[in-house]
C-alpha atoms as a PDB file:
ATOM      1  CA  UNK A   1     -35.295   1.749  -5.492  1.00  0.00           C
ATOM      2  CA  UNK A   2     -34.634  -1.282  -3.299  1.00  0.00           C
ATOM      3  CA  UNK A   3     -31.133  -2.715  -3.463  1.00  0.00           C
ATOM      4  CA  UNK A   4     -30.566  -6.240  -4.670  1.00  0.00           C
ATOM      5  CA  UNK A   5     -29.327  -8.615  -2.013  1.00  0.00           C
ATOM      6  CA  UNK A   6     -25.688  -8.484  -3.093  1.00  0.00           C
ATOM      7  CA  UNK A   7     -25.500  -4.815  -4.064  1.00  0.00           C
ATOM      8  CA  UNK A   8     -23.214  -2.687  -1.861  1.00  0.00           C
ATOM      9  CA  UNK A   9     -24.901   0.115   0.038  1.00  0.00           C
ATOM     10  CA  UNK A  10     -24.164   3.415  -1.685  1.00  0.00           C
ATOM     11  CA  UNK A  11     -24.085   5.008   1.769  1.00  0.00           C
ATOM     12  CA  UNK A  12     -21.203   2.682   2.708  1.00  0.00           C
ATOM     13  CA  UNK A  13     -19.343   3.124  -0.559  1.00  0.00           C
ATOM     14  CA  UNK A  14     -16.461   5.575  -0.490  1.00  0.00           C
ATOM     15  CA  UNK A  15     -14.718   7.144  -3.439  1.00  0.00           C
ATOM     16  CA  UNK A  16     -11.423   8.848  -4.215  1.00  0.00           C
ATOM     17  CA  UNK A  17      -9.575   9.994  -7.306  1.00  0.00           C
ATOM     18  CA  UNK A  18      -6.275   8.881  -8.779  1.00  0.00           C
ATOM     19  CA  UNK A  19      -3.936  11.871  -8.716  1.00  0.00           C
ATOM     20  CA  UNK A  20      -1.586  11.304 -11.642  1.00  0.00           C
ATOM     21  CA  UNK A  21      -0.523   9.132 -14.542  1.00  0.00           C
ATOM     22  CA  UNK A  22      -2.536   7.121 -17.049  1.00  0.00           C
ATOM     23  CA  UNK A  23      -5.751   7.154 -14.964  1.00  0.00           C
ATOM     24  CA  UNK A  24      -5.433  10.668 -13.579  1.00  0.00           C
ATOM     25  CA  UNK A  25      -8.764  11.937 -12.178  1.00  0.00           C
ATOM     26  CA  UNK A  26     -10.405   8.521 -12.537  1.00  0.00           C
ATOM     27  CA  UNK A  27     -12.565   7.545  -9.560  1.00  0.00           C
ATOM     28  CA  UNK A  28     -11.845   4.561  -7.336  1.00  0.00           C
ATOM     29  CA  UNK A  29     -14.684   3.156  -5.259  1.00  0.00           C
ATOM     30  CA  UNK A  30     -13.993   1.399  -1.977  1.00  0.00           C
ATOM     31  CA  UNK A  31     -15.800  -0.329   0.842  1.00  0.00           C
ATOM     32  CA  UNK A  32     -16.609   2.584   3.125  1.00  0.00           C
ATOM     33  CA  UNK A  33     -18.104   0.256   5.699  1.00  0.00           C
ATOM     34  CA  UNK A  34     -14.769  -1.439   6.411  1.00  0.00           C
ATOM     35  CA  UNK A  35     -13.448   1.415   8.583  1.00  0.00           C
ATOM     36  CA  UNK A  36     -10.929   2.302   5.882  1.00  0.00           C
ATOM     37  CA  UNK A  37      -8.871   5.492   5.909  1.00  0.00           C
ATOM     38  CA  UNK A  38      -7.314   5.883   2.460  1.00  0.00           C
ATOM     39  CA  UNK A  39      -3.998   7.734   2.358  1.00  0.00           C
ATOM     40  CA  UNK A  40      -4.796  11.487   2.275  1.00  0.00           C
ATOM     41  CA  UNK A  41      -4.366  13.134  -1.121  1.00  0.00           C
ATOM     42  CA  UNK A  42      -1.621  15.446   0.175  1.00  0.00           C
ATOM     43  CA  UNK A  43       0.471  12.528   1.405  1.00  0.00           C
ATOM     44  CA  UNK A  44      -0.237  10.424  -1.677  1.00  0.00           C
ATOM     45  CA  UNK A  45       0.941  13.260  -3.923  1.00  0.00           C
ATOM     46  CA  UNK A  46       4.038  13.806  -1.764  1.00  0.00           C
ATOM     47  CA  UNK A  47       4.865  10.086  -1.821  1.00  0.00           C
ATOM     48  CA  UNK A  48       4.646   9.724  -5.576  1.00  0.00           C
ATOM     49  CA  UNK A  49       6.692  12.859  -6.090  1.00  0.00           C
ATOM     50  CA  UNK A  50       9.363  11.104  -4.031  1.00  0.00           C
ATOM     51  CA  UNK A  51       8.996   7.948  -6.133  1.00  0.00           C
ATOM     52  CA  UNK A  52       8.965   9.639  -9.550  1.00  0.00           C
ATOM     53  CA  UNK A  53      12.542   8.558 -10.443  1.00  0.00           C
ATOM     54  CA  UNK A  54      11.900   4.868  -9.649  1.00  0.00           C
ATOM     55  CA  UNK A  55       8.201   4.087 -10.204  1.00  0.00           C
ATOM     56  CA  UNK A  56       8.390   3.440 -13.967  1.00  0.00           C
ATOM     57  CA  UNK A  57       8.707  -0.313 -14.533  1.00  0.00           C
ATOM     58  CA  UNK A  58       8.809  -1.122 -10.808  1.00  0.00           C
ATOM     59  CA  UNK A  59       7.376  -4.222  -9.145  1.00  0.00           C
ATOM     60  CA  UNK A  60       5.278  -3.007  -6.200  1.00  0.00           C
ATOM     61  CA  UNK A  61       3.622  -4.611  -3.179  1.00  0.00           C
ATOM     62  CA  UNK A  62       0.757  -2.911  -1.318  1.00  0.00           C
ATOM     63  CA  UNK A  63       0.233  -4.705   2.012  1.00  0.00           C
ATOM     64  CA  UNK A  64      -3.006  -4.053   3.922  1.00  0.00           C
ATOM     65  CA  UNK A  65      -4.093  -2.317   0.716  1.00  0.00           C
ATOM     66  CA  UNK A  66      -7.574  -1.312   1.957  1.00  0.00           C
ATOM     67  CA  UNK A  67      -8.984   0.901  -0.796  1.00  0.00           C
ATOM     68  CA  UNK A  68      -6.082   0.052  -3.111  1.00  0.00           C
ATOM     69  CA  UNK A  69      -5.307   3.757  -3.573  1.00  0.00           C
ATOM     70  CA  UNK A  70      -1.519   3.415  -3.368  1.00  0.00           C
ATOM     71  CA  UNK A  71      -1.416   0.401  -5.657  1.00  0.00           C
ATOM     72  CA  UNK A  72      -3.648   1.961  -8.314  1.00  0.00           C
ATOM     73  CA  UNK A  73      -1.637   5.180  -8.148  1.00  0.00           C
ATOM     74  CA  UNK A  74       1.562   3.186  -8.707  1.00  0.00           C
ATOM     75  CA  UNK A  75       0.068   1.325 -11.667  1.00  0.00           C
ATOM     76  CA  UNK A  76      -1.274   4.566 -13.134  1.00  0.00           C
ATOM     77  CA  UNK A  77       2.229   6.037 -13.014  1.00  0.00           C
ATOM     78  CA  UNK A  78       3.908   3.195 -14.860  1.00  0.00           C
ATOM     79  CA  UNK A  79       4.691   0.389 -12.413  1.00  0.00           C
ATOM     80  CA  UNK A  80       5.130  -2.901 -14.278  1.00  0.00           C
ATOM     81  CA  UNK A  81       3.397  -5.055 -11.645  1.00  0.00           C
ATOM     82  CA  UNK A  82       1.403  -4.161  -8.534  1.00  0.00           C
ATOM     83  CA  UNK A  83       0.350  -6.786  -5.991  1.00  0.00           C
ATOM     84  CA  UNK A  84      -2.439  -5.794  -3.595  1.00  0.00           C
ATOM     85  CA  UNK A  85      -3.019  -7.827  -0.422  1.00  0.00           C
ATOM     86  CA  UNK A  86      -5.855  -7.433   2.093  1.00  0.00           C
ATOM     87  CA  UNK A  87      -7.975  -9.846   4.125  1.00  0.00           C
ATOM     88  CA  UNK A  88     -11.258  -7.937   3.810  1.00  0.00           C
ATOM     89  CA  UNK A  89     -13.324  -9.686   1.169  1.00  0.00           C
ATOM     90  CA  UNK A  90     -15.613  -6.737   0.408  1.00  0.00           C
ATOM     91  CA  UNK A  91     -12.621  -4.443  -0.021  1.00  0.00           C
ATOM     92  CA  UNK A  92     -11.018  -6.906  -2.422  1.00  0.00           C
ATOM     93  CA  UNK A  93     -14.256  -7.181  -4.394  1.00  0.00           C
ATOM     94  CA  UNK A  94     -14.364  -3.392  -4.823  1.00  0.00           C
ATOM     95  CA  UNK A  95     -10.693  -3.358  -5.835  1.00  0.00           C
ATOM     96  CA  UNK A  96     -11.338  -6.018  -8.453  1.00  0.00           C
ATOM     97  CA  UNK A  97     -14.274  -4.010  -9.819  1.00  0.00           C
ATOM     98  CA  UNK A  98     -12.008  -0.960 -10.120  1.00  0.00           C
ATOM     99  CA  UNK A  99      -9.331  -3.092 -11.764  1.00  0.00           C
ATOM    100  CA  UNK A 100     -11.740  -4.428 -14.376  1.00  0.00           C
ATOM    101  CA  UNK A 101     -13.300  -1.016 -15.001  1.00  0.00           C
ATOM    102  CA  UNK A 102      -9.886   0.572 -15.631  1.00  0.00           C
ATOM    103  CA  UNK A 103      -8.493  -2.400 -17.537  1.00  0.00           C
ATOM    104  CA  UNK A 104      -5.634  -2.516 -15.018  1.00  0.00           C
ATOM    105  CA  UNK A 105      -3.938  -5.699 -16.155  1.00  0.00           C
ATOM    106  CA  UNK A 106      -0.784  -4.882 -14.179  1.00  0.00           C
ATOM    107  CA  UNK A 107      -2.656  -5.253 -10.876  1.00  0.00           C
ATOM    108  CA  UNK A 108      -3.090  -8.547  -9.014  1.00  0.00           C
ATOM    109  CA  UNK A 109      -5.290  -8.860  -5.929  1.00  0.00           C
ATOM    110  CA  UNK A 110      -4.912 -11.403  -3.113  1.00  0.00           C
ATOM    111  CA  UNK A 111      -7.632 -11.620  -0.473  1.00  0.00           C
ATOM    112  CA  UNK A 112      -5.441 -13.068   2.275  1.00  0.00           C
ATOM    113  CA  UNK A 113      -3.820 -12.211   5.577  1.00  0.00           C
ATOM    114  CA  UNK A 114      -1.015  -9.828   4.604  1.00  0.00           C
ATOM    115  CA  UNK A 115       1.637 -11.272   6.921  1.00  0.00           C
ATOM    116  CA  UNK A 116       0.833 -14.867   5.988  1.00  0.00           C
ATOM    117  CA  UNK A 117       0.932 -13.973   2.300  1.00  0.00           C
ATOM    118  CA  UNK A 118       4.322 -12.298   2.716  1.00  0.00           C
ATOM    119  CA  UNK A 119       5.710 -15.279   4.639  1.00  0.00           C
ATOM    120  CA  UNK A 120       4.742 -17.630   1.805  1.00  0.00           C
ATOM    121  CA  UNK A 121       5.983 -15.421  -1.052  1.00  0.00           C
ATOM    122  CA  UNK A 122       9.442 -15.428  -2.629  1.00  0.00           C
ATOM    123  CA  UNK A 123       8.582 -12.530  -4.952  1.00  0.00           C
ATOM    124  CA  UNK A 124      11.162  -9.735  -5.206  1.00  0.00           C
ATOM    125  CA  UNK A 125       9.888  -6.154  -5.019  1.00  0.00           C
ATOM    126  CA  UNK A 126      11.264  -2.755  -5.939  1.00  0.00           C
ATOM    127  CA  UNK A 127       8.763  -0.802  -3.819  1.00  0.00           C
ATOM    128  CA  UNK A 128       6.713  -1.906  -0.792  1.00  0.00           C
ATOM    129  CA  UNK A 129       3.791   0.118   0.577  1.00  0.00           C
ATOM    130  CA  UNK A 130       3.045  -0.627   4.236  1.00  0.00           C
ATOM    131  CA  UNK A 131      -0.078   1.030   5.650  1.00  0.00           C
ATOM    132  CA  UNK A 132      -1.533  -1.304   8.310  1.00  0.00           C
ATOM    133  CA  UNK A 133      -4.644  -0.629  10.414  1.00  0.00           C
ATOM    134  CA  UNK A 134      -4.157   1.824  13.258  1.00  0.00           C
ATOM    135  CA  UNK A 135      -4.347   0.855  16.928  1.00  0.00           C
ATOM    136  CA  UNK A 136      -2.739  -2.512  16.294  1.00  0.00           C
ATOM    137  CA  UNK A 137       0.659  -4.191  16.475  1.00  0.00           C
ATOM    138  CA  UNK A 138       0.654  -4.849  12.740  1.00  0.00           C
ATOM    139  CA  UNK A 139       3.161  -2.143  11.801  1.00  0.00           C
ATOM    140  CA  UNK A 140       5.851  -3.581  14.080  1.00  0.00           C
ATOM    141  CA  UNK A 141       5.127  -7.168  13.019  1.00  0.00           C
ATOM    142  CA  UNK A 142       5.124  -6.175   9.344  1.00  0.00           C
ATOM    143  CA  UNK A 143       8.526  -4.494   9.620  1.00  0.00           C
ATOM    144  CA  UNK A 144       9.937  -7.652  11.211  1.00  0.00           C
ATOM    145  CA  UNK A 145       8.355  -9.808   8.502  1.00  0.00           C
ATOM    146  CA  UNK A 146       9.725  -7.607   5.718  1.00  0.00           C
ATOM    147  CA  UNK A 147      13.188  -7.818   7.270  1.00  0.00           C
ATOM    148  CA  UNK A 148      12.895 -11.612   7.326  1.00  0.00           C
ATOM    149  CA  UNK A 149      11.831 -11.494   3.661  1.00  0.00           C
ATOM    150  CA  UNK A 150      15.371 -10.304   2.875  1.00  0.00           C
ATOM    151  CA  UNK A 151      14.484  -7.378   0.663  1.00  0.00           C
ATOM    152  CA  UNK A 152      17.206  -6.647  -1.865  1.00  0.00           C
ATOM    153  CA  UNK A 153      19.454  -3.601  -1.482  1.00  0.00           C
ATOM    154  CA  UNK A 154      17.843  -0.645  -3.224  1.00  0.00           C
ATOM    155  CA  UNK A 155      14.279  -1.703  -2.395  1.00  0.00           C
ATOM    156  CA  UNK A 156      12.090   1.209  -1.301  1.00  0.00           C
ATOM    157  CA  UNK A 157       9.744   0.753   1.682  1.00  0.00           C
ATOM    158  CA  UNK A 158       7.010   3.284   2.433  1.00  0.00           C
ATOM    159  CA  UNK A 159       5.570   3.163   5.964  1.00  0.00           C
ATOM    160  CA  UNK A 160       2.395   5.030   6.924  1.00  0.00           C
ATOM    161  CA  UNK A 161       1.190   5.048  10.539  1.00  0.00           C
ATOM    162  CA  UNK A 162      -0.627   7.187  13.048  1.00  0.00           C
ATOM    163  CA  UNK A 163       1.620  10.087  13.972  1.00  0.00           C
ATOM    164  CA  UNK A 164       1.861   9.237  17.664  1.00  0.00           C
ATOM    165  CA  UNK A 165       3.184   5.712  17.015  1.00  0.00           C
ATOM    166  CA  UNK A 166       6.889   5.171  17.709  1.00  0.00           C
ATOM    167  CA  UNK A 167       8.539   2.328  15.814  1.00  0.00           C
ATOM    168  CA  UNK A 168      11.990   0.772  15.654  1.00  0.00           C
ATOM    169  CA  UNK A 169      13.422   0.137  12.193  1.00  0.00           C
ATOM    170  CA  UNK A 170      16.233  -2.161  11.018  1.00  0.00           C
ATOM    171  CA  UNK A 171      19.654  -0.542  10.706  1.00  0.00           C
ATOM    172  CA  UNK A 172      19.785  -1.379   7.008  1.00  0.00           C
ATOM    173  CA  UNK A 173      16.658   0.723   6.372  1.00  0.00           C
ATOM    174  CA  UNK A 174      17.931   4.182   5.474  1.00  0.00           C
ATOM    175  CA  UNK A 175      15.295   6.884   5.915  1.00  0.00           C
ATOM    176  CA  UNK A 176      15.204   9.009   2.771  1.00  0.00           C
ATOM    177  CA  UNK A 177      12.111  11.128   3.343  1.00  0.00           C
ATOM    178  CA  UNK A 178       9.468  11.776   5.971  1.00  0.00           C
ATOM    179  CA  UNK A 179       6.372  13.893   6.365  1.00  0.00           C
ATOM    180  CA  UNK A 180       2.987  14.145   8.006  1.00  0.00           C
ATOM    181  CA  UNK A 181      -0.522  15.460   7.470  1.00  0.00           C
ATOM    182  CA  UNK A 182      -2.820  15.812  10.446  1.00  0.00           C
ATOM    183  CA  UNK A 183      -2.468  12.652  12.515  1.00  0.00           C
ATOM    184  CA  UNK A 184      -0.811  10.658   9.702  1.00  0.00           C
ATOM    185  CA  UNK A 185       2.943  10.099   9.568  1.00  0.00           C
ATOM    186  CA  UNK A 186       4.806   8.770   6.532  1.00  0.00           C
ATOM    187  CA  UNK A 187       8.383   7.635   5.952  1.00  0.00           C
ATOM    188  CA  UNK A 188      10.230   6.387   2.889  1.00  0.00           C
ATOM    189  CA  UNK A 189      13.156   4.036   3.422  1.00  0.00           C
ATOM    190  CA  UNK A 190      15.697   2.375   1.153  1.00  0.00           C
ATOM    191  CA  UNK A 191      17.260  -0.986   1.963  1.00  0.00           C
ATOM    192  CA  UNK A 192      21.042  -0.551   2.082  1.00  0.00           C
ATOM    193  CA  UNK A 193      22.077  -4.186   2.552  1.00  0.00           C
ATOM    194  CA  UNK A 194      20.540  -7.648   2.626  1.00  0.00           C
ATOM    195  CA  UNK A 195      21.936  -8.467   6.081  1.00  0.00           C
ATOM    196  CA  UNK A 196      18.978 -10.079   7.829  1.00  0.00           C
ATOM    197  CA  UNK A 197      20.769  -9.857  11.179  1.00  0.00           C
ATOM    198  CA  UNK A 198      20.704  -6.052  11.274  1.00  0.00           C
ATOM    199  CA  UNK A 199      19.238  -4.912  14.565  1.00  0.00           C
ATOM    200  CA  UNK A 200      16.456  -2.431  15.006  1.00  0.00           C
ATOM    201  CA  UNK A 201      17.260   1.199  15.745  1.00  0.00           C
END
């Protein structure tokens, strides 16, 4: 059957499943043609085990959200508000379709440059997911932008990068957990103070 002009190619449409919570085992579709690499299931499960004590009722930000997997997982597990930001229009369209299909009223989607959106926002967050594209300088720039955002003490920041990447982090980011799967590295930090002048370590 020929596709309509605006229909996404099924060949370029990826899928994954939500691991836990309200929408456990529900399928999320994403734009497989956007060179996305959703967080591996093993790391996603590890991350949300770490976040179990704090995810209920949390306000979450998913920067460079891509497939939206982390944001939907957070909403499924009881987050009060989840903001998803990505500049890929097709990815955002797929995320919005998933949001409507699941009735995910706690999720908001912004199709914008992640760093520009963060610079213009005064929203406070309890948990920030940072998973920028690989082979770019976006992880370093995002960390600097988050530090300038003056995250409140107690805020959790999850950083996912390629394993070989070495980054400097602000002194007021206390590393609570870390792990890896294949070539993916993940770290969970907690902000210990709101001192914007803290140097990188």
